[in-house]
């Protein structure tokens, strides 16, 4: 009982420090708006901003290619030849790959042709 009494007396003497300690504990670590959660959210926000910039660049590239394809019919043929390995009748297409992973991606059939 004396140990419980001494703890109670310590709390009574230093009640302001105990309350401040609990407030710092709650605000710093436990609450949904704690400093730890704020730090995590700021780092996640930075990652999301980087993703937004990457998507903007990707959008601008795709938009530029789309406008180019609308204005120039030869660009459609160029894209079909480069990306989908299409060919005109009587032509041969040779595709050289650096690694096996690249060879398995988007391989078109050899009898594809532009019409």
N, C-alpha and C. Protein backbone atom coordinates (compact mmCIF):
# COMPACT_ATOMS: atom_id res chain seq x y z
N UNK A 1 0.81 -1.19 0.00
CA UNK A 1 0.00 0.00 0.00
C UNK A 1 0.86 1.26 0.00
N UNK A 2 2.02 1.17 0.60
CA UNK A 2 2.88 2.35 0.67
C UNK A 2 3.42 2.71 -0.73
N UNK A 3 3.63 1.69 -1.56
CA UNK A 3 4.10 1.95 -2.93
C UNK A 3 3.02 2.69 -3.72
N UNK A 4 1.79 2.27 -3.58
CA UNK A 4 0.68 2.94 -4.25
C UNK A 4 0.53 4.36 -3.73
N UNK A 5 0.74 4.54 -2.47
CA UNK A 5 0.68 5.86 -1.85
C UNK A 5 1.77 6.78 -2.40
N UNK A 6 2.97 6.23 -2.57
CA UNK A 6 4.08 7.04 -3.07
C UNK A 6 3.84 7.44 -4.53
N UNK A 7 3.25 6.55 -5.34
CA UNK A 7 2.92 6.88 -6.73
C UNK A 7 1.86 7.97 -6.77
N UNK A 8 0.86 7.84 -5.92
CA UNK A 8 -0.19 8.85 -5.86
C UNK A 8 0.37 10.21 -5.45
N UNK A 9 1.26 10.23 -4.46
CA UNK A 9 1.88 11.49 -4.03
C UNK A 9 2.74 12.10 -5.13
N UNK A 10 3.45 11.25 -5.89
CA UNK A 10 4.26 11.75 -7.00
C UNK A 10 3.38 12.41 -8.07
N UNK A 11 2.26 11.74 -8.36
CA UNK A 11 1.33 12.30 -9.36
C UNK A 11 0.74 13.61 -8.85
N UNK A 12 0.40 13.67 -7.58
CA UNK A 12 -0.17 14.91 -7.02
C UNK A 12 0.84 16.06 -7.03
N UNK A 13 2.08 15.75 -6.75
CA UNK A 13 3.11 16.80 -6.73
C UNK A 13 3.44 17.30 -8.14
N UNK A 14 3.48 16.38 -9.08
CA UNK A 14 3.90 16.72 -10.45
C UNK A 14 2.75 16.53 -11.44
N UNK A 15 1.57 16.97 -11.05
CA UNK A 15 0.40 16.73 -11.88
C UNK A 15 0.50 17.42 -13.24
N UNK A 16 1.10 18.59 -13.29
CA UNK A 16 1.22 19.30 -14.56
C UNK A 16 2.18 18.57 -15.51
N UNK A 17 3.27 18.06 -14.97
CA UNK A 17 4.22 17.31 -15.80
C UNK A 17 3.60 16.01 -16.31
N UNK A 18 2.82 15.35 -15.47
CA UNK A 18 2.17 14.11 -15.89
C UNK A 18 1.16 14.38 -16.99
N UNK A 19 0.38 15.45 -16.84
CA UNK A 19 -0.60 15.80 -17.87
C UNK A 19 0.10 16.18 -19.17
N UNK A 20 1.15 16.95 -19.09
CA UNK A 20 1.91 17.34 -20.29
C UNK A 20 2.50 16.10 -20.95
N UNK A 21 3.01 15.16 -20.17
CA UNK A 21 3.56 13.92 -20.71
C UNK A 21 2.49 13.15 -21.49
N UNK A 22 1.30 13.01 -20.92
CA UNK A 22 0.24 12.29 -21.61
C UNK A 22 -0.24 13.01 -22.87
N UNK A 23 -0.28 14.33 -22.82
CA UNK A 23 -0.67 15.09 -24.01
C UNK A 23 0.35 14.90 -25.13
N UNK A 24 1.64 14.98 -24.78
CA UNK A 24 2.69 14.77 -25.79
C UNK A 24 2.62 13.34 -26.32
N UNK A 25 2.37 12.39 -25.46
CA UNK A 25 2.25 11.01 -25.90
C UNK A 25 1.09 10.83 -26.88
N UNK A 26 -0.04 11.41 -26.56
CA UNK A 26 -1.21 11.27 -27.43
C UNK A 26 -1.01 12.01 -28.75
N UNK A 27 -0.55 13.26 -28.67
CA UNK A 27 -0.38 14.06 -29.88
C UNK A 27 0.77 13.54 -30.74
N UNK A 28 1.80 13.04 -30.11
CA UNK A 28 2.98 12.63 -30.86
C UNK A 28 2.89 11.25 -31.48
N UNK A 29 2.18 10.33 -30.83
CA UNK A 29 2.25 8.96 -31.30
C UNK A 29 0.91 8.26 -31.50
N UNK A 30 -0.09 8.57 -30.72
CA UNK A 30 -1.31 7.77 -30.71
C UNK A 30 -2.41 8.33 -31.62
N UNK A 31 -2.59 9.60 -31.65
CA UNK A 31 -3.69 10.25 -32.37
C UNK A 31 -3.56 10.05 -33.88
N UNK A 32 -4.70 10.18 -34.59
CA UNK A 32 -4.69 10.09 -36.06
C UNK A 32 -3.93 11.23 -36.71
N UNK A 33 -3.82 12.35 -36.03
CA UNK A 33 -3.08 13.50 -36.55
C UNK A 33 -1.73 13.64 -35.86
N UNK A 34 -1.14 12.54 -35.45
CA UNK A 34 0.13 12.59 -34.72
C UNK A 34 1.27 12.98 -35.67
N UNK A 35 2.39 13.29 -35.06
CA UNK A 35 3.56 13.69 -35.85
C UNK A 35 4.03 12.55 -36.74
N UNK A 36 3.93 11.34 -36.29
CA UNK A 36 4.34 10.19 -37.11
C UNK A 36 3.44 10.05 -38.33
N UNK A 37 2.13 10.17 -38.12
CA UNK A 37 1.21 10.07 -39.25
C UNK A 37 1.42 11.23 -40.22
N UNK A 38 1.69 12.41 -39.69
CA UNK A 38 1.94 13.56 -40.56
C UNK A 38 3.17 13.34 -41.43
N UNK A 39 4.23 12.80 -40.83
CA UNK A 39 5.45 12.52 -41.59
C UNK A 39 5.17 11.50 -42.69
N UNK A 40 4.44 10.43 -42.36
CA UNK A 40 4.10 9.41 -43.35
C UNK A 40 3.27 10.00 -44.48
N UNK A 41 2.32 10.84 -44.13
CA UNK A 41 1.46 11.45 -45.15
C UNK A 41 2.24 12.39 -46.06
N UNK A 42 3.19 13.13 -45.49
CA UNK A 42 4.00 14.04 -46.32
C UNK A 42 4.88 13.26 -47.28
N UNK A 43 5.47 12.18 -46.83
CA UNK A 43 6.30 11.38 -47.73
C UNK A 43 5.44 10.74 -48.82
N UNK A 44 4.25 10.28 -48.47
CA UNK A 44 3.33 9.70 -49.47
C UNK A 44 2.89 10.77 -50.46
N UNK A 45 2.67 11.99 -49.98
CA UNK A 45 2.27 13.08 -50.85
C UNK A 45 3.39 13.39 -51.86
N UNK A 46 4.63 13.34 -51.42
CA UNK A 46 5.74 13.56 -52.34
C UNK A 46 5.80 12.48 -53.41
N UNK A 47 5.57 11.23 -53.02
CA UNK A 47 5.53 10.14 -53.99
C UNK A 47 4.40 10.35 -55.00
N UNK A 48 3.24 10.74 -54.51
CA UNK A 48 2.10 10.95 -55.41
C UNK A 48 2.34 12.12 -56.36
N UNK A 49 3.02 13.15 -55.88
CA UNK A 49 3.35 14.27 -56.77
C UNK A 49 4.29 13.82 -57.88
N UNK A 50 5.26 12.98 -57.54
CA UNK A 50 6.16 12.44 -58.56
C UNK A 50 5.40 11.60 -59.59
N UNK A 51 4.44 10.80 -59.11
CA UNK A 51 3.62 10.01 -60.02
C UNK A 51 2.79 10.91 -60.93
N UNK A 52 2.25 11.99 -60.38
CA UNK A 52 1.46 12.92 -61.18
C UNK A 52 2.31 13.50 -62.30
N UNK A 53 3.54 13.91 -61.98
CA UNK A 53 4.43 14.46 -63.00
C UNK A 53 4.72 13.43 -64.08
N UNK A 54 4.95 12.17 -63.68
CA UNK A 54 5.22 11.12 -64.66
C UNK A 54 4.01 10.90 -65.56
N UNK A 55 2.82 10.90 -64.97
CA UNK A 55 1.61 10.71 -65.77
C UNK A 55 1.36 11.91 -66.69
N UNK A 56 1.69 13.10 -66.24
CA UNK A 56 1.54 14.28 -67.11
C UNK A 56 2.46 14.17 -68.32
N UNK A 57 3.70 13.76 -68.09
CA UNK A 57 4.63 13.59 -69.20
C UNK A 57 4.14 12.51 -70.17
N UNK A 58 3.64 11.42 -69.61
CA UNK A 58 3.11 10.34 -70.45
C UNK A 58 1.91 10.83 -71.25
N UNK A 59 1.04 11.60 -70.63
CA UNK A 59 -0.13 12.15 -71.31
C UNK A 59 0.28 13.08 -72.44
N UNK A 60 1.24 13.96 -72.16
CA UNK A 60 1.69 14.90 -73.18
C UNK A 60 2.31 14.18 -74.37
N UNK A 61 3.07 13.12 -74.10
CA UNK A 61 3.67 12.34 -75.19
C UNK A 61 2.59 11.66 -76.02
N UNK A 62 1.64 11.05 -75.36
CA UNK A 62 0.56 10.37 -76.08
C UNK A 62 -0.29 11.37 -76.86
N UNK A 63 -0.55 12.53 -76.27
CA UNK A 63 -1.34 13.56 -76.95
C UNK A 63 -0.61 14.08 -78.19
N UNK A 64 0.70 14.27 -78.06
CA UNK A 64 1.50 14.74 -79.20
C UNK A 64 1.49 13.69 -80.32
N UNK A 65 1.62 12.41 -79.96
CA UNK A 65 1.57 11.35 -80.97
C UNK A 65 0.21 11.27 -81.63
N UNK A 66 -0.84 11.45 -80.86
CA UNK A 66 -2.19 11.41 -81.42
C UNK A 66 -2.42 12.55 -82.40
N UNK A 67 -1.98 13.76 -82.02
CA UNK A 67 -2.12 14.90 -82.95
C UNK A 67 -1.30 14.67 -84.21
N UNK A 68 -0.12 14.08 -84.05
CA UNK A 68 0.72 13.80 -85.20
C UNK A 68 0.07 12.77 -86.11
N UNK A 69 -0.56 11.76 -85.54
CA UNK A 69 -1.23 10.74 -86.34
C UNK A 69 -2.46 11.30 -87.04
N UNK A 70 -3.16 12.24 -86.41
CA UNK A 70 -4.31 12.85 -87.06
C UNK A 70 -3.91 13.71 -88.25
N UNK A 71 -2.75 14.35 -88.16
CA UNK A 71 -2.36 15.28 -89.22
C UNK A 71 -1.56 14.61 -90.33
N UNK A 72 -0.86 13.52 -90.05
CA UNK A 72 0.02 12.92 -91.05
C UNK A 72 -0.25 11.41 -91.15
N UNK A 73 -0.78 10.94 -92.29
CA UNK A 73 -1.07 9.51 -92.43
C UNK A 73 0.19 8.64 -92.43
N UNK A 74 1.33 9.20 -92.81
CA UNK A 74 2.56 8.42 -92.81
C UNK A 74 3.00 8.08 -91.38
N UNK A 75 2.61 8.89 -90.41
CA UNK A 75 2.97 8.59 -89.03
C UNK A 75 2.25 7.35 -88.52
N UNK A 76 1.05 7.08 -89.03
CA UNK A 76 0.33 5.86 -88.65
C UNK A 76 1.09 4.64 -89.16
N UNK A 77 1.57 4.73 -90.39
CA UNK A 77 2.35 3.63 -90.95
C UNK A 77 3.65 3.44 -90.18
N UNK A 78 4.29 4.54 -89.83
CA UNK A 78 5.54 4.48 -89.07
C UNK A 78 5.32 3.79 -87.73
N UNK A 79 4.24 4.15 -87.03
CA UNK A 79 3.96 3.55 -85.74
C UNK A 79 3.64 2.07 -85.89
N UNK A 80 2.87 1.72 -86.92
CA UNK A 80 2.53 0.31 -87.14
C UNK A 80 3.77 -0.51 -87.42
N UNK A 81 4.71 0.04 -88.16
CA UNK A 81 5.94 -0.68 -88.47
C UNK A 81 6.83 -0.81 -87.24
N UNK A 82 6.96 0.26 -86.44
CA UNK A 82 7.86 0.24 -85.30
C UNK A 82 7.32 -0.56 -84.13
N UNK A 83 6.08 -0.36 -83.80
CA UNK A 83 5.53 -1.00 -82.60
C UNK A 83 4.99 -2.39 -82.85
N UNK A 84 4.32 -2.59 -83.98
CA UNK A 84 3.62 -3.84 -84.21
C UNK A 84 4.27 -4.70 -85.29
N UNK A 85 5.43 -4.26 -85.78
CA UNK A 85 6.22 -5.01 -86.75
C UNK A 85 5.43 -5.40 -87.99
N UNK A 86 4.58 -4.53 -88.44
CA UNK A 86 3.80 -4.77 -89.65
C UNK A 86 4.67 -4.47 -90.85
N UNK A 87 4.30 -5.05 -91.98
CA UNK A 87 5.10 -4.87 -93.18
C UNK A 87 4.19 -4.77 -94.38
N UNK A 88 4.77 -4.28 -95.44
CA UNK A 88 4.05 -4.24 -96.71
C UNK A 88 4.22 -5.59 -97.40
N UNK A 89 3.33 -5.90 -98.30
CA UNK A 89 3.49 -7.17 -99.03
C UNK A 89 4.82 -7.19 -99.78
N UNK A 90 5.53 -8.30 -99.67
CA UNK A 90 6.80 -8.45 -100.37
C UNK A 90 8.00 -7.98 -99.57
N UNK A 91 7.80 -7.46 -98.37
CA UNK A 91 8.91 -7.00 -97.53
C UNK A 91 9.21 -8.05 -96.47
N UNK A 92 10.45 -8.03 -96.01
CA UNK A 92 10.85 -8.87 -94.88
C UNK A 92 11.18 -7.97 -93.71
N UNK A 93 10.79 -8.39 -92.50
CA UNK A 93 11.06 -7.62 -91.30
C UNK A 93 11.97 -8.46 -90.40
N UNK A 94 13.08 -7.86 -90.00
CA UNK A 94 14.01 -8.51 -89.09
C UNK A 94 14.00 -7.74 -87.78
N UNK A 95 13.75 -8.44 -86.68
CA UNK A 95 13.69 -7.83 -85.36
C UNK A 95 14.85 -8.37 -84.54
N UNK A 96 15.70 -7.47 -84.05
CA UNK A 96 16.84 -7.86 -83.24
C UNK A 96 16.57 -7.43 -81.80
N UNK A 97 16.65 -8.38 -80.88
CA UNK A 97 16.38 -8.13 -79.47
C UNK A 97 17.65 -8.28 -78.67
N UNK A 98 17.77 -7.52 -77.55
CA UNK A 98 18.93 -7.61 -76.68
C UNK A 98 18.81 -8.74 -75.66
N UNK A 99 17.60 -8.97 -75.17
CA UNK A 99 17.44 -10.00 -74.13
C UNK A 99 16.21 -10.84 -74.42
N UNK A 100 16.07 -11.93 -73.68
CA UNK A 100 14.94 -12.82 -73.90
C UNK A 100 13.63 -12.21 -73.42
N UNK A 101 13.69 -11.35 -72.38
CA UNK A 101 12.47 -10.71 -71.88
C UNK A 101 11.85 -9.82 -72.95
N UNK A 102 12.69 -9.09 -73.68
CA UNK A 102 12.18 -8.23 -74.74
C UNK A 102 11.57 -9.06 -75.86
N UNK A 103 12.12 -10.22 -76.10
CA UNK A 103 11.64 -11.05 -77.21
C UNK A 103 10.24 -11.58 -76.96
N UNK A 104 9.86 -11.72 -75.70
CA UNK A 104 8.54 -12.26 -75.40
C UNK A 104 7.45 -11.20 -75.38
N UNK A 105 7.80 -9.93 -75.39
CA UNK A 105 6.82 -8.85 -75.33
C UNK A 105 6.35 -8.46 -76.72
N UNK A 106 5.04 -8.36 -76.92
CA UNK A 106 4.41 -7.80 -78.11
C UNK A 106 5.00 -8.33 -79.41
N UNK A 107 5.06 -9.61 -79.57
CA UNK A 107 5.55 -10.18 -80.83
C UNK A 107 4.35 -10.35 -81.75
N UNK A 108 4.41 -9.72 -82.92
CA UNK A 108 3.35 -9.82 -83.90
C UNK A 108 3.58 -11.03 -84.78
N UNK A 109 2.51 -11.51 -85.38
CA UNK A 109 2.66 -12.65 -86.27
C UNK A 109 3.41 -12.23 -87.53
N UNK A 110 4.18 -13.14 -88.13
CA UNK A 110 5.01 -12.77 -89.27
C UNK A 110 4.23 -12.42 -90.53
N UNK A 111 2.96 -12.80 -90.62
CA UNK A 111 2.20 -12.49 -91.82
C UNK A 111 1.34 -11.25 -91.67
N UNK A 112 1.60 -10.41 -90.65
CA UNK A 112 0.88 -9.14 -90.48
C UNK A 112 1.29 -8.19 -91.59
N UNK A 113 0.34 -7.43 -92.07
CA UNK A 113 0.67 -6.46 -93.11
C UNK A 113 -0.22 -5.24 -92.95
N UNK A 114 0.28 -4.10 -93.47
CA UNK A 114 -0.47 -2.85 -93.43
C UNK A 114 -1.42 -2.84 -94.62
N UNK A 115 -2.66 -2.48 -94.37
CA UNK A 115 -3.64 -2.43 -95.46
C UNK A 115 -4.10 -1.06 -95.70
